């Protein structure tokens, strides 16, 4: 459903992109100004990685590499999304992002795109992490990398894992609270 919505809103970028990693697809508010492709010898360890590059000297909007999946084993849990990224010449900002949503809602249940702690300029490979709660009513989790404006963003080795509730959540709009894991303080002391 969300893939169809993205393609309807942003066109059919799949037809214009080079080879992408299986399960991933391009999106963005101005995807025609971005090249997104799987590149050999451009990953953080010398293997394959994804290169997302703005093709214009100036660009309004953003390009994104993303995937969506059913929440399944992550329902009712706190998760960490991590990925390695590096940048070159990023004038506005770049980052990784996550959105947890209901299929029929326009507003996400939680969202973090690193806009409040962006990657910019020239950076070397670094591990970035996002932590969000996945409420029981979630129907889809969307993850990806984003380049807003000009420059180049390389991405490699995404991971999604369950973390302890003591791990703080990140980003804005993640004010959903998971229920307790078991009944607590039933004597009301």
C-alpha atoms as a PDB file:
ATOM      1  CA  UNK A   1       0.000   0.000   0.000  1.00  0.00           C
ATOM      2  CA  UNK A   2       2.700   2.522   0.972  1.00  0.00           C
ATOM      3  CA  UNK A   3       4.835   1.590  -2.036  1.00  0.00           C
ATOM      4  CA  UNK A   4       1.848   2.275  -4.284  1.00  0.00           C
ATOM      5  CA  UNK A   5       1.197   5.574  -2.494  1.00  0.00           C
ATOM      6  CA  UNK A   6       4.845   6.658  -2.920  1.00  0.00           C
ATOM      7  CA  UNK A   7       4.835   5.739  -6.589  1.00  0.00           C
ATOM      8  CA  UNK A   8       1.559   7.569  -7.179  1.00  0.00           C
ATOM      9  CA  UNK A   9       2.807  10.677  -5.391  1.00  0.00           C
ATOM     10  CA  UNK A  10       6.311  10.709  -6.781  1.00  0.00           C
ATOM     11  CA  UNK A  11       5.982   8.959 -10.135  1.00  0.00           C
ATOM     12  CA  UNK A  12       7.634   5.736 -11.186  1.00  0.00           C
ATOM     13  CA  UNK A  13      11.300   6.204 -10.314  1.00  0.00           C
ATOM     14  CA  UNK A  14      12.006   2.497 -10.670  1.00  0.00           C
ATOM     15  CA  UNK A  15      12.088   2.874 -14.429  1.00  0.00           C
ATOM     16  CA  UNK A  16      14.807   5.538 -14.320  1.00  0.00           C
ATOM     17  CA  UNK A  17      17.224   4.068 -11.775  1.00  0.00           C
ATOM     18  CA  UNK A  18      20.260   1.869 -12.165  1.00  0.00           C
ATOM     19  CA  UNK A  19      20.557  -1.425 -10.307  1.00  0.00           C
ATOM     20  CA  UNK A  20      19.273  -1.222  -6.732  1.00  0.00           C
ATOM     21  CA  UNK A  21      19.648  -3.689  -3.873  1.00  0.00           C
ATOM     22  CA  UNK A  22      16.883  -6.301  -3.785  1.00  0.00           C
ATOM     23  CA  UNK A  23      13.961  -5.135  -1.631  1.00  0.00           C
ATOM     24  CA  UNK A  24      14.864  -1.430  -1.880  1.00  0.00           C
ATOM     25  CA  UNK A  25      13.376   1.272  -4.100  1.00  0.00           C
ATOM     26  CA  UNK A  26      13.853   4.986  -4.728  1.00  0.00           C
ATOM     27  CA  UNK A  27      11.481   7.704  -3.565  1.00  0.00           C
ATOM     28  CA  UNK A  28      11.566  11.374  -2.688  1.00  0.00           C
ATOM     29  CA  UNK A  29       9.928  14.700  -3.285  1.00  0.00           C
ATOM     30  CA  UNK A  30      12.174  15.407  -6.267  1.00  0.00           C
ATOM     31  CA  UNK A  31      13.625  12.006  -7.147  1.00  0.00           C
ATOM     32  CA  UNK A  32      14.269  12.965 -10.792  1.00  0.00           C
ATOM     33  CA  UNK A  33      17.215  15.073  -9.604  1.00  0.00           C
ATOM     34  CA  UNK A  34      18.903  12.100  -7.877  1.00  0.00           C
ATOM     35  CA  UNK A  35      20.812   9.035  -8.970  1.00  0.00           C
ATOM     36  CA  UNK A  36      20.518   6.035  -6.657  1.00  0.00           C
ATOM     37  CA  UNK A  37      22.459   2.904  -7.472  1.00  0.00           C
ATOM     38  CA  UNK A  38      24.256  -0.102  -6.060  1.00  0.00           C
ATOM     39  CA  UNK A  39      27.976   0.387  -6.662  1.00  0.00           C
ATOM     40  CA  UNK A  40      30.778  -2.156  -6.329  1.00  0.00           C
ATOM     41  CA  UNK A  41      33.802  -1.147  -4.257  1.00  0.00           C
ATOM     42  CA  UNK A  42      31.903   1.774  -2.701  1.00  0.00           C
ATOM     43  CA  UNK A  43      30.728   0.102   0.504  1.00  0.00           C
ATOM     44  CA  UNK A  44      32.409   0.822   3.815  1.00  0.00           C
ATOM     45  CA  UNK A  45      34.566  -2.329   3.684  1.00  0.00           C
ATOM     46  CA  UNK A  46      35.314  -2.138  -0.033  1.00  0.00           C
ATOM     47  CA  UNK A  47      32.311  -4.237  -1.080  1.00  0.00           C
ATOM     48  CA  UNK A  48      29.078  -2.996  -2.579  1.00  0.00           C
ATOM     49  CA  UNK A  49      27.214  -0.005  -1.198  1.00  0.00           C
ATOM     50  CA  UNK A  50      24.563   2.414  -2.375  1.00  0.00           C
ATOM     51  CA  UNK A  51      25.471   5.811  -3.757  1.00  0.00           C
ATOM     52  CA  UNK A  52      22.745   8.467  -3.685  1.00  0.00           C
ATOM     53  CA  UNK A  53      23.825  11.573  -5.601  1.00  0.00           C
ATOM     54  CA  UNK A  54      22.156  14.846  -6.529  1.00  0.00           C
ATOM     55  CA  UNK A  55      22.485  15.372 -10.289  1.00  0.00           C
ATOM     56  CA  UNK A  56      21.877  19.145 -10.212  1.00  0.00           C
ATOM     57  CA  UNK A  57      23.944  22.078  -8.923  1.00  0.00           C
ATOM     58  CA  UNK A  58      20.936  23.095  -6.850  1.00  0.00           C
ATOM     59  CA  UNK A  59      18.014  20.945  -5.867  1.00  0.00           C
ATOM     60  CA  UNK A  60      14.738  21.569  -4.142  1.00  0.00           C
ATOM     61  CA  UNK A  61      13.505  18.503  -2.331  1.00  0.00           C
ATOM     62  CA  UNK A  62      15.135  15.197  -1.548  1.00  0.00           C
ATOM     63  CA  UNK A  63      15.959  11.746  -2.860  1.00  0.00           C
ATOM     64  CA  UNK A  64      15.606   8.609  -0.787  1.00  0.00           C
ATOM     65  CA  UNK A  65      16.384   4.903  -0.924  1.00  0.00           C
ATOM     66  CA  UNK A  66      13.798   2.994   1.079  1.00  0.00           C
ATOM     67  CA  UNK A  67      12.060  -0.251   1.869  1.00  0.00           C
ATOM     68  CA  UNK A  68       8.887  -1.101   3.728  1.00  0.00           C
ATOM     69  CA  UNK A  69       8.057  -4.274   5.612  1.00  0.00           C
ATOM     70  CA  UNK A  70       5.432  -5.727   7.923  1.00  0.00           C
ATOM     71  CA  UNK A  71       6.167  -5.171  11.622  1.00  0.00           C
ATOM     72  CA  UNK A  72       5.697  -8.873  12.546  1.00  0.00           C
ATOM     73  CA  UNK A  73       8.181  -9.769  15.297  1.00  0.00           C
ATOM     74  CA  UNK A  74       8.726  -6.080  16.134  1.00  0.00           C
ATOM     75  CA  UNK A  75       5.116  -5.357  17.228  1.00  0.00           C
ATOM     76  CA  UNK A  76       4.969  -3.992  20.770  1.00  0.00           C
ATOM     77  CA  UNK A  77       8.749  -3.653  20.953  1.00  0.00           C
ATOM     78  CA  UNK A  78      11.415  -0.953  20.829  1.00  0.00           C
ATOM     79  CA  UNK A  79      13.684  -1.255  17.802  1.00  0.00           C
ATOM     80  CA  UNK A  80      16.968   0.205  16.661  1.00  0.00           C
ATOM     81  CA  UNK A  81      17.573   0.908  12.988  1.00  0.00           C
ATOM     82  CA  UNK A  82      21.237   1.401  12.163  1.00  0.00           C
ATOM     83  CA  UNK A  83      23.235   1.984   9.008  1.00  0.00           C
ATOM     84  CA  UNK A  84      26.674   3.116   7.978  1.00  0.00           C
ATOM     85  CA  UNK A  85      26.835   6.350   5.998  1.00  0.00           C
ATOM     86  CA  UNK A  86      29.355   8.807   4.610  1.00  0.00           C
ATOM     87  CA  UNK A  87      28.905  12.035   2.682  1.00  0.00           C
ATOM     88  CA  UNK A  88      30.647  14.350   0.255  1.00  0.00           C
ATOM     89  CA  UNK A  89      29.644  17.932  -0.418  1.00  0.00           C
ATOM     90  CA  UNK A  90      26.259  17.728   1.318  1.00  0.00           C
ATOM     91  CA  UNK A  91      25.138  21.356   1.526  1.00  0.00           C
ATOM     92  CA  UNK A  92      21.758  20.839   3.206  1.00  0.00           C
ATOM     93  CA  UNK A  93      21.492  17.520   5.046  1.00  0.00           C
ATOM     94  CA  UNK A  94      21.460  13.741   4.826  1.00  0.00           C
ATOM     95  CA  UNK A  95      20.613  10.897   7.168  1.00  0.00           C
ATOM     96  CA  UNK A  96      18.853   7.609   7.696  1.00  0.00           C
ATOM     97  CA  UNK A  97      15.172   7.488   8.582  1.00  0.00           C
ATOM     98  CA  UNK A  98      12.399   5.300   9.976  1.00  0.00           C
ATOM     99  CA  UNK A  99       8.636   5.616   9.998  1.00  0.00           C
ATOM    100  CA  UNK A 100       6.137   3.346  11.749  1.00  0.00           C
ATOM    101  CA  UNK A 101       2.576   3.747  10.500  1.00  0.00           C
ATOM    102  CA  UNK A 102      -0.942   2.430  10.326  1.00  0.00           C
ATOM    103  CA  UNK A 103      -1.953   1.499   6.818  1.00  0.00           C
ATOM    104  CA  UNK A 104      -4.929   3.861   6.798  1.00  0.00           C
ATOM    105  CA  UNK A 105      -3.378   6.785   8.707  1.00  0.00           C
ATOM    106  CA  UNK A 106      -1.696   9.716   7.042  1.00  0.00           C
ATOM    107  CA  UNK A 107       0.147  10.658  10.239  1.00  0.00           C
ATOM    108  CA  UNK A 108       2.866   8.201  11.309  1.00  0.00           C
ATOM    109  CA  UNK A 109       2.772   6.595  14.733  1.00  0.00           C
ATOM    110  CA  UNK A 110       6.447   7.527  15.053  1.00  0.00           C
ATOM    111  CA  UNK A 111       9.075   9.023  12.786  1.00  0.00           C
ATOM    112  CA  UNK A 112      12.768   9.951  12.842  1.00  0.00           C
ATOM    113  CA  UNK A 113      14.693  11.262   9.833  1.00  0.00           C
ATOM    114  CA  UNK A 114      17.670  12.853  11.637  1.00  0.00           C
ATOM    115  CA  UNK A 115      16.596  16.345  10.465  1.00  0.00           C
ATOM    116  CA  UNK A 116      17.319  17.594  13.999  1.00  0.00           C
ATOM    117  CA  UNK A 117      20.832  16.035  13.953  1.00  0.00           C
ATOM    118  CA  UNK A 118      21.760  15.992  10.251  1.00  0.00           C
ATOM    119  CA  UNK A 119      24.818  14.774   8.418  1.00  0.00           C
ATOM    120  CA  UNK A 120      26.319  17.511   6.244  1.00  0.00           C
ATOM    121  CA  UNK A 121      29.533  18.453   4.473  1.00  0.00           C
ATOM    122  CA  UNK A 122      32.196  15.774   3.976  1.00  0.00           C
ATOM    123  CA  UNK A 123      32.181  12.888   6.454  1.00  0.00           C
ATOM    124  CA  UNK A 124      33.844   9.495   6.648  1.00  0.00           C
ATOM    125  CA  UNK A 125      31.986   6.233   7.310  1.00  0.00           C
ATOM    126  CA  UNK A 126      30.092   6.374  10.605  1.00  0.00           C
ATOM    127  CA  UNK A 127      27.401   4.209  12.193  1.00  0.00           C
ATOM    128  CA  UNK A 128      24.097   6.050  12.721  1.00  0.00           C
ATOM    129  CA  UNK A 129      21.266   4.736  14.904  1.00  0.00           C
ATOM    130  CA  UNK A 130      17.574   5.500  15.323  1.00  0.00           C
ATOM    131  CA  UNK A 131      15.410   4.046  18.114  1.00  0.00           C
ATOM    132  CA  UNK A 132      11.596   3.967  17.974  1.00  0.00           C
ATOM    133  CA  UNK A 133       8.703   2.078  19.516  1.00  0.00           C
ATOM    134  CA  UNK A 134       6.502  -0.120  17.332  1.00  0.00           C
ATOM    135  CA  UNK A 135       2.946   0.085  18.693  1.00  0.00           C
ATOM    136  CA  UNK A 136       0.598  -2.892  18.426  1.00  0.00           C
ATOM    137  CA  UNK A 137      -1.561  -1.078  15.859  1.00  0.00           C
ATOM    138  CA  UNK A 138       1.381  -0.612  13.451  1.00  0.00           C
ATOM    139  CA  UNK A 139       0.862  -2.076   9.993  1.00  0.00           C
ATOM    140  CA  UNK A 140       4.123  -1.127   8.272  1.00  0.00           C
ATOM    141  CA  UNK A 141       7.688  -0.055   9.040  1.00  0.00           C
ATOM    142  CA  UNK A 142       9.535   2.050   6.466  1.00  0.00           C
ATOM    143  CA  UNK A 143      13.300   2.628   6.593  1.00  0.00           C
ATOM    144  CA  UNK A 144      15.821   4.288   4.349  1.00  0.00           C
ATOM    145  CA  UNK A 145      18.471   6.857   3.630  1.00  0.00           C
ATOM    146  CA  UNK A 146      17.771  10.445   2.595  1.00  0.00           C
ATOM    147  CA  UNK A 147      19.702  13.186   0.815  1.00  0.00           C
ATOM    148  CA  UNK A 148      18.095  16.618   0.975  1.00  0.00           C
ATOM    149  CA  UNK A 149      19.666  18.987  -1.546  1.00  0.00           C
ATOM    150  CA  UNK A 150      23.050  18.631  -3.230  1.00  0.00           C
ATOM    151  CA  UNK A 151      25.935  16.275  -2.540  1.00  0.00           C
ATOM    152  CA  UNK A 152      26.550  12.538  -2.321  1.00  0.00           C
ATOM    153  CA  UNK A 153      25.421  10.063   0.363  1.00  0.00           C
ATOM    154  CA  UNK A 154      26.818   6.536   0.554  1.00  0.00           C
ATOM    155  CA  UNK A 155      24.919   3.894   2.569  1.00  0.00           C
ATOM    156  CA  UNK A 156      25.866   0.398   3.701  1.00  0.00           C
ATOM    157  CA  UNK A 157      24.857  -2.337   6.146  1.00  0.00           C
ATOM    158  CA  UNK A 158      21.403  -1.449   7.464  1.00  0.00           C
ATOM    159  CA  UNK A 159      20.225  -3.423  10.508  1.00  0.00           C
ATOM    160  CA  UNK A 160      16.942  -3.634  12.431  1.00  0.00           C
ATOM    161  CA  UNK A 161      16.989  -5.144  15.912  1.00  0.00           C
ATOM    162  CA  UNK A 162      14.932  -5.242  19.098  1.00  0.00           C
ATOM    163  CA  UNK A 163      16.480  -3.279  21.984  1.00  0.00           C
ATOM    164  CA  UNK A 164      15.771  -3.012  25.687  1.00  0.00           C
ATOM    165  CA  UNK A 165      13.205  -0.431  26.797  1.00  0.00           C
ATOM    166  CA  UNK A 166      15.951   1.297  28.763  1.00  0.00           C
ATOM    167  CA  UNK A 167      17.416   2.398  25.421  1.00  0.00           C
ATOM    168  CA  UNK A 168      16.123   5.936  24.823  1.00  0.00           C
ATOM    169  CA  UNK A 169      14.110   6.689  21.689  1.00  0.00           C
ATOM    170  CA  UNK A 170      15.383   9.205  19.149  1.00  0.00           C
ATOM    171  CA  UNK A 171      13.880  11.894  16.993  1.00  0.00           C
ATOM    172  CA  UNK A 172      10.661  13.815  17.142  1.00  0.00           C
ATOM    173  CA  UNK A 173       7.149  12.449  16.991  1.00  0.00           C
ATOM    174  CA  UNK A 174       7.968   9.280  18.889  1.00  0.00           C
ATOM    175  CA  UNK A 175       5.696   9.942  21.816  1.00  0.00           C
ATOM    176  CA  UNK A 176       3.872   6.622  21.720  1.00  0.00           C
ATOM    177  CA  UNK A 177       4.425   4.644  24.894  1.00  0.00           C
ATOM    178  CA  UNK A 178       4.501   0.866  24.822  1.00  0.00           C
ATOM    179  CA  UNK A 179       2.432  -0.963  27.432  1.00  0.00           C
ATOM    180  CA  UNK A 180       4.242  -2.568  30.350  1.00  0.00           C
ATOM    181  CA  UNK A 181       5.680  -6.008  29.626  1.00  0.00           C
ATOM    182  CA  UNK A 182       3.807  -7.548  32.581  1.00  0.00           C
ATOM    183  CA  UNK A 183       1.430  -6.412  35.315  1.00  0.00           C
ATOM    184  CA  UNK A 184       3.292  -4.179  37.760  1.00  0.00           C
ATOM    185  CA  UNK A 185       2.526  -2.851  41.246  1.00  0.00           C
ATOM    186  CA  UNK A 186      -0.879  -4.514  41.470  1.00  0.00           C
ATOM    187  CA  UNK A 187      -1.036  -3.839  45.224  1.00  0.00           C
ATOM    188  CA  UNK A 188      -0.880  -0.105  44.409  1.00  0.00           C
ATOM    189  CA  UNK A 189       1.918   0.493  46.961  1.00  0.00           C
END
